[in-house]
Amino acid sequence: MIDTQVFAEHRRLLFDVAYRMTGSVADAEDIVQEAWLRCREVDADQVANPRAYLVKTITNLSLNQLTSARARRETYVGPWLPEPVLTTPDAGQEVEMAESISLAMLVVLETLGPAERAIFLLHDVFGYSHAEIASILDKSEPAVRQTATRARAHVAARRPRFDVDQGVRDQAVDRFRQACVGGDLNAMMELLAPDVVCWSDGGGKVTAARRPLLGADSVARWLLGVFAKPESRGAELRLAEINGELGILGTVNGQPVGVVCFDFADDRITGVRMQVNPDKLRGLSR
C-alpha cells in the first residue's frame, strides 16, 4: 500500500482536483476516500511516482462520478449550482488556480464534456504537460493537445470577467448585503446591471426560483421578497470569502442556510448566484 504520510501530503491536491472536476464538496470527499481505499490495495513497489499515481486515480474516479452526476442533473429541480466552500485569501496563489474555484468558473466548466474538463483543469490550472495528461487519461498526446485547444477556446468564450477592481467589488457586495437587510429597493437597483441574471438553487428542498430571473427590477424585487419572508428574518447576513470571492453567508443560530455570490462587469452586478439547497451547504463547515 502507499504510505499514509505520502497520501496525507497530497490530500489537499487530490481534493482540489476532485472538487473542480465535480463542483461538489460531498462528491470530492467521497472520491478522495475511494482513492485512499485503492491506495491501500496497490503494491507500493509498483508505483514509481506516488503523486502521479494519485492524480491519475483521482481524475479517473472524478470522470466516473461526472458521468453519473450528469444523469442525475437531468431531473434536478430548478437551476443547478455548484456546492460552495469557504476559502481564505492567498496572495501567492496562481491566477488560474484562484479563478478556477469561483462559482462562476465552475458553472462554465459544467458546459465542458468530462474529458475536456479534466484536460483543461490538469493543463491550464494544475500545470500538467500534455504528455503527462495523456498518461493519466490513457490517450494519445496529439488527442490531448487537440482537446485542450478546444476546451480552452470554449472556456475563453464563456469565462467570467475579473477586470473590475477588487475594492469596488467588495464595496458593492457589502452595499448589497445592507440593501437586503434594510429592504432597500432603490439601493439594490443602483447595484444591479439592467440585464442582470439571478440563479437560485434550492434543489426542490427549499423555496427557490425554478428558472433564472432576468432584469434588475425582477431580480431586486424577488431577492428582497425572499429576505422579507418570516423564515428569513432570523437569518444573519455577513460577508465571507466564498470560492475565492467576497460573497454573503446567511446563517441561523450559527448554521449556514445560504450563500450569495456575484458576477461583475463595469462596476455593476451582472450575475447573482444564490445557493440555498441544504444538501449543498455542508462544505461550508469544512
Protein backbone atom coordinates (compact mmCIF):
# COMPACT_ATOMS: atom_id res chain seq x y z
CA MET A 1 0.00 0.00 0.00
CA ILE A 2 1.02 3.62 -0.49
CA ASP A 3 2.31 5.12 2.75
CA THR A 4 -0.27 7.01 4.80
CA GLN A 5 2.03 10.01 5.16
CA VAL A 6 2.54 10.18 1.39
CA PHE A 7 -1.21 10.18 0.83
CA ALA A 8 -1.71 12.85 3.51
CA GLU A 9 0.88 15.09 1.83
CA HIS A 10 -1.13 15.05 -1.40
CA ARG A 11 -4.63 15.02 0.08
CA ARG A 12 -5.24 18.73 -0.47
CA LEU A 13 -4.22 18.46 -4.13
CA LEU A 14 -6.49 15.45 -4.59
CA PHE A 15 -9.46 17.28 -3.10
CA ASP A 16 -8.75 20.35 -5.23
CA VAL A 17 -8.75 18.27 -8.42
CA ALA A 18 -11.89 16.33 -7.47
CA TYR A 19 -13.80 19.45 -6.38
CA ARG A 20 -13.03 21.34 -9.56
CA MET A 21 -13.92 18.27 -11.60
CA THR A 22 -17.29 17.69 -9.93
CA GLY A 23 -18.33 21.03 -8.40
CA SER A 24 -19.39 19.06 -5.34
CA VAL A 25 -17.76 19.02 -1.91
CA ALA A 26 -19.53 15.78 -0.95
CA ASP A 27 -18.52 14.02 -4.17
CA ALA A 28 -14.95 15.28 -3.90
CA GLU A 29 -14.62 13.96 -0.36
CA ASP A 30 -16.09 10.59 -1.38
CA ILE A 31 -13.68 10.41 -4.31
CA VAL A 32 -10.68 11.16 -2.09
CA GLN A 33 -11.83 8.45 0.33
CA GLU A 34 -12.21 5.95 -2.52
CA ALA A 35 -8.73 6.87 -3.76
CA TRP A 36 -7.34 6.12 -0.30
CA LEU A 37 -9.03 2.71 -0.25
CA ARG A 38 -7.48 1.91 -3.61
CA CYS A 39 -4.08 3.05 -2.41
CA ARG A 40 -4.28 0.56 0.45
CA GLU A 41 -4.59 -2.27 -2.06
CA VAL A 42 -1.85 -1.25 -4.51
CA ASP A 43 1.70 -2.60 -4.28
CA ALA A 44 3.79 0.45 -3.41
CA ASP A 45 6.84 -1.12 -5.09
CA GLN A 46 4.95 -0.93 -8.39
CA VAL A 47 4.31 2.83 -8.02
CA ALA A 48 7.35 4.79 -9.19
CA ASN A 49 5.68 8.20 -8.71
CA PRO A 50 3.03 8.23 -5.96
CA ARG A 51 1.86 11.77 -6.80
CA ALA A 52 1.29 10.88 -10.45
CA TYR A 53 -0.48 7.67 -9.47
CA LEU A 54 -2.75 9.51 -7.02
CA VAL A 55 -3.67 12.25 -9.51
CA LYS A 56 -4.43 9.62 -12.15
CA THR A 57 -6.61 7.74 -9.69
CA ILE A 58 -8.49 10.83 -8.53
CA THR A 59 -9.01 12.06 -12.11
CA ASN A 60 -10.48 8.80 -13.34
CA LEU A 61 -12.71 8.46 -10.27
CA SER A 62 -13.92 12.01 -10.91
CA LEU A 63 -14.67 11.17 -14.55
CA ASN A 64 -16.78 8.23 -13.42
CA GLN A 65 -18.61 10.44 -10.92
CA LEU A 66 -19.28 13.11 -13.55
CA THR A 67 -20.97 10.58 -15.80
CA SER A 68 -23.45 9.54 -13.13
CA ALA A 69 -23.90 13.10 -11.85
CA ARG A 70 -24.90 14.34 -15.29
CA ALA A 71 -27.62 11.72 -15.44
CA ARG A 72 -28.98 12.87 -12.06
CA ARG A 73 -28.97 16.52 -13.11
CA GLU A 74 -31.40 15.80 -15.94
CA THR A 75 -34.12 15.51 -13.30
CA TYR A 76 -32.77 18.19 -10.95
CA VAL A 77 -35.40 20.66 -9.74
CA GLY A 78 -34.58 24.21 -10.86
CA PRO A 79 -31.15 25.63 -11.75
CA TRP A 80 -28.14 23.58 -10.70
CA LEU A 81 -25.29 25.43 -8.99
CA PRO A 82 -22.02 24.04 -7.56
CA GLU A 83 -21.54 23.48 -3.85
CA PRO A 84 -19.82 26.49 -2.24
CA VAL A 85 -16.80 26.35 0.04
CA LEU A 86 -15.36 28.94 2.41
CA THR A 87 -11.85 29.99 1.40
CA THR A 88 -9.14 32.25 2.76
CA PRO A 89 -7.20 34.95 0.88
CA ASP A 90 -3.99 33.65 -0.70
CA ALA A 91 -1.95 36.38 -2.38
CA GLY A 92 0.60 33.85 -3.61
CA GLN A 93 -1.91 31.69 -5.44
CA GLU A 94 -1.65 31.50 -9.22
CA VAL A 95 -4.38 33.41 -11.09
CA GLU A 96 -5.64 30.33 -12.94
CA MET A 97 -5.86 28.35 -9.69
CA ALA A 98 -7.72 31.16 -7.92
CA GLU A 99 -10.18 31.77 -10.77
CA SER A 100 -10.86 28.07 -11.28
CA ILE A 101 -12.58 27.74 -7.90
CA SER A 102 -15.04 30.62 -8.38
CA LEU A 103 -18.66 29.57 -8.67
CA ALA A 104 -18.90 31.36 -12.00
CA MET A 105 -15.98 29.35 -13.41
CA LEU A 106 -17.31 26.08 -12.01
CA VAL A 107 -20.56 26.81 -13.86
CA VAL A 108 -18.57 27.33 -17.07
CA LEU A 109 -16.70 24.07 -16.50
CA GLU A 110 -20.08 22.30 -16.33
CA THR A 111 -20.54 23.10 -20.03
CA LEU A 112 -17.46 21.04 -20.96
CA GLY A 113 -17.54 17.33 -21.61
CA PRO A 114 -15.92 15.23 -18.84
CA ALA A 115 -12.67 14.60 -20.77
CA GLU A 116 -12.46 18.26 -21.85
CA ARG A 117 -12.93 19.35 -18.26
CA ALA A 118 -10.21 17.02 -16.99
CA ILE A 119 -7.71 18.08 -19.65
CA PHE A 120 -8.40 21.80 -19.21
CA LEU A 121 -8.04 21.62 -15.44
CA LEU A 122 -4.96 19.41 -15.40
CA HIS A 123 -3.15 21.53 -18.01
CA ASP A 124 -4.32 25.12 -17.51
CA VAL A 125 -4.92 25.05 -13.76
CA PHE A 126 -2.67 22.36 -12.26
CA GLY A 127 0.16 22.71 -14.76
CA TYR A 128 0.49 19.17 -16.09
CA SER A 129 2.05 18.72 -19.52
CA HIS A 130 0.12 17.25 -22.42
CA ALA A 131 2.32 14.15 -22.21
CA GLU A 132 1.57 13.70 -18.51
CA ILE A 133 -2.17 14.13 -19.11
CA ALA A 134 -2.03 11.60 -21.95
CA SER A 135 -0.59 9.11 -19.47
CA ILE A 136 -3.20 9.94 -16.83
CA LEU A 137 -6.13 9.54 -19.23
CA ASP A 138 -4.62 6.77 -21.39
CA LYS A 139 -4.95 8.93 -24.51
CA SER A 140 -2.50 9.91 -27.22
CA GLU A 141 -0.64 13.18 -26.75
CA PRO A 142 -1.96 14.66 -30.05
CA ALA A 143 -5.53 13.87 -28.94
CA VAL A 144 -4.92 15.60 -25.61
CA ARG A 145 -3.49 18.67 -27.34
CA GLN A 146 -6.48 18.90 -29.67
CA THR A 147 -8.95 18.53 -26.82
CA ALA A 148 -7.06 21.08 -24.72
CA THR A 149 -7.23 23.64 -27.52
CA ARG A 150 -10.96 23.08 -27.98
CA ALA A 151 -11.66 23.25 -24.24
CA ARG A 152 -9.58 26.40 -23.80
CA ALA A 153 -11.47 28.18 -26.58
CA HIS A 154 -14.79 27.07 -25.10
CA VAL A 155 -13.85 28.40 -21.65
CA ALA A 156 -12.40 31.64 -23.04
CA ALA A 157 -15.71 32.41 -24.76
CA ARG A 158 -17.67 31.93 -21.55
CA ARG A 159 -15.31 32.62 -18.66
CA PRO A 160 -16.35 35.29 -16.14
CA ARG A 161 -14.71 38.70 -16.18
CA PHE A 162 -12.34 39.63 -13.37
CA ASP A 163 -11.49 43.12 -14.61
CA VAL A 164 -13.45 45.08 -12.00
CA ASP A 165 -11.31 46.49 -9.19
CA GLN A 166 -11.45 44.20 -6.16
CA GLY A 167 -12.11 47.09 -3.80
CA VAL A 168 -15.08 48.20 -5.90
CA ARG A 169 -16.43 44.65 -5.96
CA ASP A 170 -16.10 44.28 -2.19
CA GLN A 171 -17.87 47.60 -1.54
CA ALA A 172 -20.70 46.60 -3.86
CA VAL A 173 -21.14 43.25 -2.09
CA ASP A 174 -21.36 45.00 1.28
CA ARG A 175 -23.87 47.51 -0.10
CA PHE A 176 -25.89 44.61 -1.49
CA ARG A 177 -25.89 42.99 1.96
CA GLN A 178 -27.07 46.23 3.56
CA ALA A 179 -29.83 46.60 0.95
CA CYS A 180 -31.05 43.08 1.73
CA VAL A 181 -31.04 43.71 5.47
CA GLY A 182 -32.80 47.07 5.11
CA GLY A 183 -35.18 46.04 2.33
CA ASP A 184 -33.92 48.99 0.28
CA LEU A 185 -35.18 48.56 -3.30
CA ASN A 186 -33.54 51.74 -4.62
CA ALA A 187 -30.14 50.82 -3.23
CA MET A 188 -30.47 47.36 -4.74
CA MET A 189 -31.42 48.74 -8.14
CA GLU A 190 -28.36 51.01 -8.15
CA LEU A 191 -26.10 47.96 -7.80
CA LEU A 192 -27.65 45.74 -10.45
CA ALA A 193 -26.94 45.94 -14.16
CA PRO A 194 -30.09 46.33 -16.29
CA ASP A 195 -29.59 42.84 -17.76
CA VAL A 196 -28.61 41.12 -14.50
CA VAL A 197 -29.41 37.40 -14.15
CA CYS A 198 -30.18 35.64 -10.88
CA TRP A 199 -29.93 31.88 -10.37
CA SER A 200 -31.17 30.24 -7.17
CA ASP A 201 -30.57 26.59 -6.33
CA GLY A 202 -32.99 25.07 -3.84
CA GLY A 203 -32.89 21.59 -5.32
CA GLY A 204 -36.58 21.16 -4.57
CA LYS A 205 -35.71 21.13 -0.84
CA VAL A 206 -36.41 24.80 -0.05
CA THR A 207 -38.14 27.65 -1.86
CA ALA A 208 -36.18 28.99 -4.83
CA ALA A 209 -36.94 30.29 -8.31
CA ARG A 210 -37.34 27.37 -10.71
CA ARG A 211 -35.95 29.43 -13.59
CA PRO A 212 -33.30 32.16 -13.87
CA LEU A 213 -34.65 35.65 -13.19
CA LEU A 214 -33.84 38.37 -15.74
CA GLY A 215 -33.62 42.14 -15.35
CA ALA A 216 -32.81 44.46 -12.46
CA ASP A 217 -36.40 45.12 -11.37
CA SER A 218 -37.42 41.45 -11.33
CA VAL A 219 -34.24 40.34 -9.59
CA ALA A 220 -34.31 43.11 -6.97
CA ARG A 221 -37.96 42.61 -6.06
CA TRP A 222 -37.63 38.84 -5.88
CA LEU A 223 -34.50 38.97 -3.70
CA LEU A 224 -35.99 41.50 -1.28
CA GLY A 225 -39.14 39.39 -1.16
CA VAL A 226 -37.07 36.36 -0.16
CA PHE A 227 -35.27 38.24 2.62
CA ALA A 228 -38.57 39.71 3.88
CA LYS A 229 -40.17 36.30 4.44
CA PRO A 230 -40.72 35.31 8.09
CA GLU A 231 -38.34 32.35 7.81
CA SER A 232 -35.59 34.70 6.57
CA ARG A 233 -35.92 37.38 9.22
CA GLY A 234 -33.92 35.43 11.78
CA ALA A 235 -31.01 34.97 9.41
CA GLU A 236 -27.75 36.81 9.96
CA LEU A 237 -26.12 38.02 6.74
CA ARG A 238 -22.38 38.51 6.88
CA LEU A 239 -19.56 38.96 4.43
CA ALA A 240 -17.39 35.91 3.78
CA GLU A 241 -14.90 34.73 1.19
CA ILE A 242 -16.72 32.07 -0.78
CA ASN A 243 -14.89 30.20 -3.54
CA GLY A 244 -12.21 32.85 -3.68
CA GLU A 245 -14.54 35.85 -3.93
CA LEU A 246 -16.27 38.02 -1.36
CA GLY A 247 -19.88 36.94 -1.00
CA ILE A 248 -22.65 36.80 1.57
CA LEU A 249 -23.15 33.96 4.02
CA GLY A 250 -26.53 33.56 5.68
CA THR A 251 -26.74 31.71 8.99
CA VAL A 252 -29.44 30.87 11.51
CA ASN A 253 -28.23 30.01 15.00
CA GLY A 254 -24.74 29.71 13.56
CA GLN A 255 -25.74 27.16 10.90
CA PRO A 256 -25.36 28.02 7.17
CA VAL A 257 -28.69 28.43 5.36
CA GLY A 258 -27.48 30.01 2.13
CA VAL A 259 -24.78 31.88 0.26
CA VAL A 260 -24.91 34.58 -2.41
CA CYS A 261 -22.10 35.11 -4.92
CA PHE A 262 -21.78 37.67 -7.70
CA ASP A 263 -20.54 38.38 -11.21
CA PHE A 264 -19.46 41.91 -12.12
CA ALA A 265 -18.92 43.97 -15.25
CA ASP A 266 -18.36 47.72 -15.49
CA ASP A 267 -18.79 48.17 -11.73
CA ARG A 268 -22.29 46.66 -11.74
CA ILE A 269 -23.57 43.27 -10.63
CA THR A 270 -24.38 41.21 -13.72
CA GLY A 271 -24.98 37.86 -12.06
CA VAL A 272 -26.33 36.71 -8.70
CA ARG A 273 -25.94 33.08 -7.65
CA MET A 274 -27.86 32.02 -4.57
CA GLN A 275 -27.24 28.55 -3.14
CA VAL A 276 -29.86 27.53 -0.56
CA ASN A 277 -30.10 23.77 -1.12
CA PRO A 278 -29.30 22.44 2.38
CA ASP A 279 -27.61 19.37 0.91
CA LYS A 280 -25.06 21.65 -0.77
CA LEU A 281 -24.16 23.76 2.24
CA ARG A 282 -22.29 21.11 4.22
CA GLY A 283 -18.97 22.11 2.73
CA LEU A 284 -19.23 25.49 4.43
CA SER A 285 -18.31 23.84 7.72
CA ARG A 286 -15.10 22.28 6.31
